Amino acid sequence: MTKHEFEVAMTCEGCSGAVTRILNKLGDEVKFEIDLPKRLVWIESEKDVDFLTDTLKKCGKEVKYNGTK
């Protein structure tokens, strides 16, 4: 699976919790890590980047795709 890095404008545990809830809805199709202090989210998935970006935007935060890692 490809590992993608996103910057998400998270400022608190509530923000990272919202991201976690949204990504958990995708089930086993994704694996993810969140680094709140750096405001980064890494997602391992075969889904396309546009789908993952749109999914992250559902938490109401600004999202920027940084590329694959």
PDB file of N, CA and C in Angstrom:
ATOM      1  N   MET A   1       0.839  -1.196   0.000  1.00  0.00           N
ATOM      2  CA  MET A   1       0.000   0.000   0.000  1.00  0.00           C
ATOM      3  C   MET A   1       0.876   1.248   0.000  1.00  0.00           C
ATOM      4  N   THR A   2       0.378   2.287  -0.603  1.00  0.00           N
ATOM      5  CA  THR A   2       1.087   3.551  -0.670  1.00  0.00           C
ATOM      6  C   THR A   2       0.833   4.350   0.592  1.00  0.00           C
ATOM      7  N   LYS A   3       1.872   5.011   1.110  1.00  0.00           N
ATOM      8  CA  LYS A   3       1.738   5.849   2.297  1.00  0.00           C
ATOM      9  C   LYS A   3       1.763   7.311   1.872  1.00  0.00           C
ATOM     10  N   HIS A   4       0.667   8.018   2.163  1.00  0.00           N
ATOM     11  CA  HIS A   4       0.503   9.417   1.777  1.00  0.00           C
ATOM     12  C   HIS A   4       0.622  10.307   3.006  1.00  0.00           C
ATOM     13  N   GLU A   5       1.220  11.501   2.816  1.00  0.00           N
ATOM     14  CA  GLU A   5       1.332  12.457   3.911  1.00  0.00           C
ATOM     15  C   GLU A   5       0.455  13.668   3.627  1.00  0.00           C
ATOM     16  N   PHE A   6      -0.328  14.047   4.638  1.00  0.00           N
ATOM     17  CA  PHE A   6      -1.207  15.211   4.540  1.00  0.00           C
ATOM     18  C   PHE A   6      -0.925  16.151   5.707  1.00  0.00           C
ATOM     19  N   GLU A   7      -0.999  17.459   5.442  1.00  0.00           N
ATOM     20  CA  GLU A   7      -1.020  18.453   6.505  1.00  0.00           C
ATOM     21  C   GLU A   7      -2.479  18.774   6.760  1.00  0.00           C
ATOM     22  N   VAL A   8      -2.882  18.684   8.013  1.00  0.00           N
ATOM     23  CA  VAL A   8      -4.267  18.989   8.384  1.00  0.00           C
ATOM     24  C   VAL A   8      -4.213  20.030   9.492  1.00  0.00           C
ATOM     25  N   ALA A   9      -4.999  21.092   9.380  1.00  0.00           N
ATOM     26  CA  ALA A   9      -4.976  22.203  10.333  1.00  0.00           C
ATOM     27  C   ALA A   9      -5.616  21.793  11.660  1.00  0.00           C
ATOM     28  N   MET A  10      -4.946  20.886  12.371  1.00  0.00           N
ATOM     29  CA  MET A  10      -5.425  20.404  13.669  1.00  0.00           C
ATOM     30  C   MET A  10      -4.763  21.227  14.771  1.00  0.00           C
ATOM     31  N   THR A  11      -5.555  21.654  15.744  1.00  0.00           N
ATOM     32  CA  THR A  11      -5.001  22.459  16.832  1.00  0.00           C
ATOM     33  C   THR A  11      -5.166  21.813  18.203  1.00  0.00           C
ATOM     34  N   CYS A  12      -5.945  20.739  18.290  1.00  0.00           N
ATOM     35  CA  CYS A  12      -6.205  20.143  19.602  1.00  0.00           C
ATOM     36  C   CYS A  12      -6.572  18.665  19.457  1.00  0.00           C
ATOM     37  N   GLU A  13      -6.738  18.009  20.599  1.00  0.00           N
ATOM     38  CA  GLU A  13      -7.135  16.598  20.604  1.00  0.00           C
ATOM     39  C   GLU A  13      -8.497  16.398  19.931  1.00  0.00           C
ATOM     40  N   GLY A  14      -9.365  17.369  20.052  1.00  0.00           N
ATOM     41  CA  GLY A  14     -10.680  17.272  19.406  1.00  0.00           C
ATOM     42  C   GLY A  14     -10.553  17.190  17.896  1.00  0.00           C
ATOM     43  N   CYS A  15      -9.617  17.975  17.359  1.00  0.00           N
ATOM     44  CA  CYS A  15      -9.376  17.961  15.910  1.00  0.00           C
ATOM     45  C   CYS A  15      -8.850  16.599  15.470  1.00  0.00           C
ATOM     46  N   SER A  16      -7.858  16.094  16.191  1.00  0.00           N
ATOM     47  CA  SER A  16      -7.302  14.797  15.800  1.00  0.00           C
ATOM     48  C   SER A  16      -8.327  13.691  16.021  1.00  0.00           C
ATOM     49  N   GLY A  17      -9.198  13.855  17.011  1.00  0.00           N
ATOM     50  CA  GLY A  17     -10.275  12.886  17.225  1.00  0.00           C
ATOM     51  C   GLY A  17     -11.252  12.868  16.070  1.00  0.00           C
ATOM     52  N   ALA A  18     -11.540  14.052  15.518  1.00  0.00           N
ATOM     53  CA  ALA A  18     -12.440  14.134  14.361  1.00  0.00           C
ATOM     54  C   ALA A  18     -11.825  13.425  13.155  1.00  0.00           C
ATOM     55  N   VAL A  19     -10.529  13.623  12.946  1.00  0.00           N
ATOM     56  CA  VAL A  19      -9.834  12.957  11.848  1.00  0.00           C
ATOM     57  C   VAL A  19      -9.866  11.445  12.056  1.00  0.00           C
ATOM     58  N   THR A  20      -9.618  11.011  13.274  1.00  0.00           N
ATOM     59  CA  THR A  20      -9.640   9.579  13.599  1.00  0.00           C
ATOM     60  C   THR A  20     -11.006   8.969  13.310  1.00  0.00           C
ATOM     61  N   ARG A  21     -12.067   9.639  13.739  1.00  0.00           N
ATOM     62  CA  ARG A  21     -13.429   9.114  13.516  1.00  0.00           C
ATOM     63  C   ARG A  21     -13.740   8.996  12.029  1.00  0.00           C
ATOM     64  N   ILE A  22     -13.360   9.989  11.255  1.00  0.00           N
ATOM     65  CA  ILE A  22     -13.634   9.971   9.814  1.00  0.00           C
ATOM     66  C   ILE A  22     -12.860   8.842   9.127  1.00  0.00           C
ATOM     67  N   LEU A  23     -11.586   8.691   9.475  1.00  0.00           N
ATOM     68  CA  LEU A  23     -10.771   7.656   8.829  1.00  0.00           C
ATOM     69  C   LEU A  23     -11.172   6.253   9.293  1.00  0.00           C
ATOM     70  N   ASN A  24     -11.615   6.125  10.524  1.00  0.00           N
ATOM     71  CA  ASN A  24     -12.075   4.817  11.014  1.00  0.00           C
ATOM     72  C   ASN A  24     -13.297   4.322  10.247  1.00  0.00           C
ATOM     73  N   LYS A  25     -14.090   5.252   9.704  1.00  0.00           N
ATOM     74  CA  LYS A  25     -15.273   4.865   8.923  1.00  0.00           C
ATOM     75  C   LYS A  25     -14.895   4.136   7.632  1.00  0.00           C
ATOM     76  N   LEU A  26     -13.644   4.305   7.190  1.00  0.00           N
ATOM     77  CA  LEU A  26     -13.195   3.630   5.976  1.00  0.00           C
ATOM     78  C   LEU A  26     -12.809   2.176   6.250  1.00  0.00           C
ATOM     79  N   GLY A  27     -12.764   1.794   7.506  1.00  0.00           N
ATOM     80  CA  GLY A  27     -12.520   0.405   7.880  1.00  0.00           C
ATOM     81  C   GLY A  27     -11.102  -0.044   7.588  1.00  0.00           C
ATOM     82  N   ASP A  28     -10.992  -1.303   7.204  1.00  0.00           N
ATOM     83  CA  ASP A  28      -9.678  -1.921   6.974  1.00  0.00           C
ATOM     84  C   ASP A  28      -9.001  -1.438   5.697  1.00  0.00           C
ATOM     85  N   GLU A  29      -9.676  -0.588   4.947  1.00  0.00           N
ATOM     86  CA  GLU A  29      -9.103  -0.105   3.687  1.00  0.00           C
ATOM     87  C   GLU A  29      -7.960   0.877   3.907  1.00  0.00           C
ATOM     88  N   VAL A  30      -7.860   1.437   5.119  1.00  0.00           N
ATOM     89  CA  VAL A  30      -6.802   2.402   5.408  1.00  0.00           C
ATOM     90  C   VAL A  30      -6.144   2.109   6.747  1.00  0.00           C
ATOM     91  N   LYS A  31      -4.869   2.443   6.824  1.00  0.00           N
ATOM     92  CA  LYS A  31      -4.136   2.480   8.086  1.00  0.00           C
ATOM     93  C   LYS A  31      -3.604   3.897   8.187  1.00  0.00           C
ATOM     94  N   PHE A  32      -3.622   4.466   9.390  1.00  0.00           N
ATOM     95  CA  PHE A  32      -3.195   5.857   9.498  1.00  0.00           C
ATOM     96  C   PHE A  32      -2.490   6.142  10.812  1.00  0.00           C
ATOM     97  N   GLU A  33      -1.697   7.207  10.784  1.00  0.00           N
ATOM     98  CA  GLU A  33      -1.023   7.739  11.964  1.00  0.00           C
ATOM     99  C   GLU A  33      -1.274   9.237  11.979  1.00  0.00           C
ATOM    100  N   ILE A  34      -1.390   9.797  13.188  1.00  0.00           N
ATOM    101  CA  ILE A  34      -1.596  11.233  13.340  1.00  0.00           C
ATOM    102  C   ILE A  34      -0.495  11.786  14.239  1.00  0.00           C
ATOM    103  N   ASP A  35       0.149  12.866  13.789  1.00  0.00           N
ATOM    104  CA  ASP A  35       1.124  13.590  14.599  1.00  0.00           C
ATOM    105  C   ASP A  35       0.547  14.981  14.836  1.00  0.00           C
ATOM    106  N   LEU A  36      -0.146  15.139  15.970  1.00  0.00           N
ATOM    107  CA  LEU A  36      -0.839  16.394  16.249  1.00  0.00           C
ATOM    108  C   LEU A  36       0.117  17.584  16.348  1.00  0.00           C
ATOM    109  N   PRO A  37       1.250  17.484  17.087  1.00  0.00           N
ATOM    110  CA  PRO A  37       2.140  18.656  17.170  1.00  0.00           C
ATOM    111  C   PRO A  37       2.639  19.138  15.809  1.00  0.00           C
ATOM    112  N   LYS A  38       2.887  18.226  14.890  1.00  0.00           N
ATOM    113  CA  LYS A  38       3.360  18.605  13.548  1.00  0.00           C
ATOM    114  C   LYS A  38       2.208  18.809  12.575  1.00  0.00           C
ATOM    115  N   ARG A  39       0.983  18.505  13.022  1.00  0.00           N
ATOM    116  CA  ARG A  39      -0.227  18.641  12.188  1.00  0.00           C
ATOM    117  C   ARG A  39      -0.159  17.782  10.932  1.00  0.00           C
ATOM    118  N   LEU A  40       0.381  16.562  11.079  1.00  0.00           N
ATOM    119  CA  LEU A  40       0.524  15.659   9.948  1.00  0.00           C
ATOM    120  C   LEU A  40      -0.317  14.404  10.138  1.00  0.00           C
ATOM    121  N   VAL A  41      -0.816  13.898   9.022  1.00  0.00           N
ATOM    122  CA  VAL A  41      -1.548  12.632   8.996  1.00  0.00           C
ATOM    123  C   VAL A  41      -0.942  11.791   7.884  1.00  0.00           C
ATOM    124  N   TRP A  42      -0.551  10.566   8.222  1.00  0.00           N
ATOM    125  CA  TRP A  42      -0.050   9.621   7.224  1.00  0.00           C
ATOM    126  C   TRP A  42      -1.097   8.550   7.038  1.00  0.00           C
ATOM    127  N   ILE A  43      -1.447   8.290   5.788  1.00  0.00           N
ATOM    128  CA  ILE A  43      -2.475   7.302   5.474  1.00  0.00           C
ATOM    129  C   ILE A  43      -1.882   6.279   4.503  1.00  0.00           C
ATOM    130  N   GLU A  44      -1.986   5.003   4.864  1.00  0.00           N
ATOM    131  CA  GLU A  44      -1.613   3.917   3.956  1.00  0.00           C
ATOM    132  C   GLU A  44      -2.892   3.384   3.337  1.00  0.00           C
ATOM    133  N   SER A  45      -2.988   3.474   2.018  1.00  0.00           N
ATOM    134  CA  SER A  45      -4.213   3.072   1.339  1.00  0.00           C
ATOM    135  C   SER A  45      -3.963   2.939  -0.153  1.00  0.00           C
ATOM    136  N   GLU A  46      -4.800   2.137  -0.782  1.00  0.00           N
ATOM    137  CA  GLU A  46      -4.795   2.043  -2.243  1.00  0.00           C
ATOM    138  C   GLU A  46      -5.803   3.015  -2.858  1.00  0.00           C
ATOM    139  N   LYS A  47      -6.542   3.725  -2.007  1.00  0.00           N
ATOM    140  CA  LYS A  47      -7.493   4.732  -2.507  1.00  0.00           C
ATOM    141  C   LYS A  47      -6.709   5.863  -3.166  1.00  0.00           C
ATOM    142  N   ASP A  48      -7.362   6.596  -4.094  1.00  0.00           N
ATOM    143  CA  ASP A  48      -6.645   7.683  -4.742  1.00  0.00           C
ATOM    144  C   ASP A  48      -6.581   8.915  -3.838  1.00  0.00           C
ATOM    145  N   VAL A  49      -5.643   9.782  -4.135  1.00  0.00           N
ATOM    146  CA  VAL A  49      -5.353  10.948  -3.302  1.00  0.00           C
ATOM    147  C   VAL A  49      -6.562  11.870  -3.194  1.00  0.00           C
ATOM    148  N   ASP A  50      -7.288  12.069  -4.289  1.00  0.00           N
ATOM    149  CA  ASP A  50      -8.463  12.941  -4.249  1.00  0.00           C
ATOM    150  C   ASP A  50      -9.505  12.414  -3.272  1.00  0.00           C
ATOM    151  N   PHE A  51      -9.724  11.100  -3.272  1.00  0.00           N
ATOM    152  CA  PHE A  51     -10.675  10.496  -2.335  1.00  0.00           C
ATOM    153  C   PHE A  51     -10.222  10.733  -0.898  1.00  0.00           C
ATOM    154  N   LEU A  52      -8.941  10.490  -0.620  1.00  0.00           N
ATOM    155  CA  LEU A  52      -8.419  10.664   0.740  1.00  0.00           C
ATOM    156  C   LEU A  52      -8.483  12.126   1.176  1.00  0.00           C
ATOM    157  N   THR A  53      -8.156  13.046   0.263  1.00  0.00           N
ATOM    158  CA  THR A  53      -8.224  14.476   0.576  1.00  0.00           C
ATOM    159  C   THR A  53      -9.653  14.887   0.889  1.00  0.00           C
ATOM    160  N   ASP A  54     -10.598  14.478   0.055  1.00  0.00           N
ATOM    161  CA  ASP A  54     -12.007  14.811   0.287  1.00  0.00           C
ATOM    162  C   ASP A  54     -12.498  14.224   1.608  1.00  0.00           C
ATOM    163  N   THR A  55     -12.051  13.019   1.928  1.00  0.00           N
ATOM    164  CA  THR A  55     -12.440  12.384   3.191  1.00  0.00           C
ATOM    165  C   THR A  55     -11.924  13.200   4.369  1.00  0.00           C
ATOM    166  N   LEU A  56     -10.664  13.605   4.323  1.00  0.00           N
ATOM    167  CA  LEU A  56     -10.092  14.408   5.416  1.00  0.00           C
ATOM    168  C   LEU A  56     -10.788  15.756   5.552  1.00  0.00           C
ATOM    169  N   LYS A  57     -11.196  16.344   4.445  1.00  0.00           N
ATOM    170  CA  LYS A  57     -11.866  17.654   4.487  1.00  0.00           C
ATOM    171  C   LYS A  57     -13.217  17.591   5.197  1.00  0.00           C
ATOM    172  N   LYS A  58     -13.773  16.394   5.342  1.00  0.00           N
ATOM    173  CA  LYS A  58     -15.054  16.245   6.031  1.00  0.00           C
ATOM    174  C   LYS A  58     -14.959  16.628   7.505  1.00  0.00           C
ATOM    175  N   CYS A  59     -13.740  16.696   8.050  1.00  0.00           N
ATOM    176  CA  CYS A  59     -13.589  17.106   9.444  1.00  0.00           C
ATOM    177  C   CYS A  59     -13.637  18.628   9.575  1.00  0.00           C
ATOM    178  N   GLY A  60     -13.758  19.334   8.460  1.00  0.00           N
ATOM    179  CA  GLY A  60     -13.908  20.785   8.486  1.00  0.00           C
ATOM    180  C   GLY A  60     -12.597  21.552   8.607  1.00  0.00           C
ATOM    181  N   LYS A  61     -11.485  20.882   8.397  1.00  0.00           N
ATOM    182  CA  LYS A  61     -10.170  21.524   8.513  1.00  0.00           C
ATOM    183  C   LYS A  61      -9.525  21.668   7.144  1.00  0.00           C
ATOM    184  N   GLU A  62      -8.594  22.618   7.050  1.00  0.00           N
ATOM    185  CA  GLU A  62      -7.829  22.786   5.822  1.00  0.00           C
ATOM    186  C   GLU A  62      -6.890  21.591   5.661  1.00  0.00           C
ATOM    187  N   VAL A  63      -6.811  21.069   4.437  1.00  0.00           N
ATOM    188  CA  VAL A  63      -5.997  19.878   4.164  1.00  0.00           C
ATOM    189  C   VAL A  63      -5.076  20.167   2.989  1.00  0.00           C
ATOM    190  N   LYS A  64      -3.797  19.766   3.157  1.00  0.00           N
ATOM    191  CA  LYS A  64      -2.815  19.921   2.076  1.00  0.00           C
ATOM    192  C   LYS A  64      -2.119  18.579   1.895  1.00  0.00           C
ATOM    193  N   TYR A  65      -2.036  18.129   0.652  1.00  0.00           N
ATOM    194  CA  TYR A  65      -1.346  16.879   0.331  1.00  0.00           C
ATOM    195  C   TYR A  65       0.135  17.153   0.130  1.00  0.00           C
ATOM    196  N   ASN A  66       0.991  16.431   0.866  1.00  0.00           N
ATOM    197  CA  ASN A  66       2.443  16.641   0.771  1.00  0.00           C
ATOM    198  C   ASN A  66       3.139  15.628  -0.121  1.00  0.00           C
ATOM    199  N   GLY A  67       2.471  14.547  -0.478  1.00  0.00           N
ATOM    200  CA  GLY A  67       3.083  13.533  -1.328  1.00  0.00           C
ATOM    201  C   GLY A  67       3.200  12.196  -0.635  1.00  0.00           C
ATOM    202  N   THR A  68       3.874  11.276  -1.294  1.00  0.00           N
ATOM    203  CA  THR A  68       4.049   9.941  -0.730  1.00  0.00           C
ATOM    204  C   THR A  68       5.315   9.888   0.107  1.00  0.00           C
ATOM    205  N   LYS A  69       5.324   8.980   1.061  1.00  0.00           N
ATOM    206  CA  LYS A  69       6.487   8.830   1.958  1.00  0.00           C
ATOM    207  C   LYS A  69       6.976   7.409   1.915  1.00  0.00           C
TER     208      LYS A  69
END
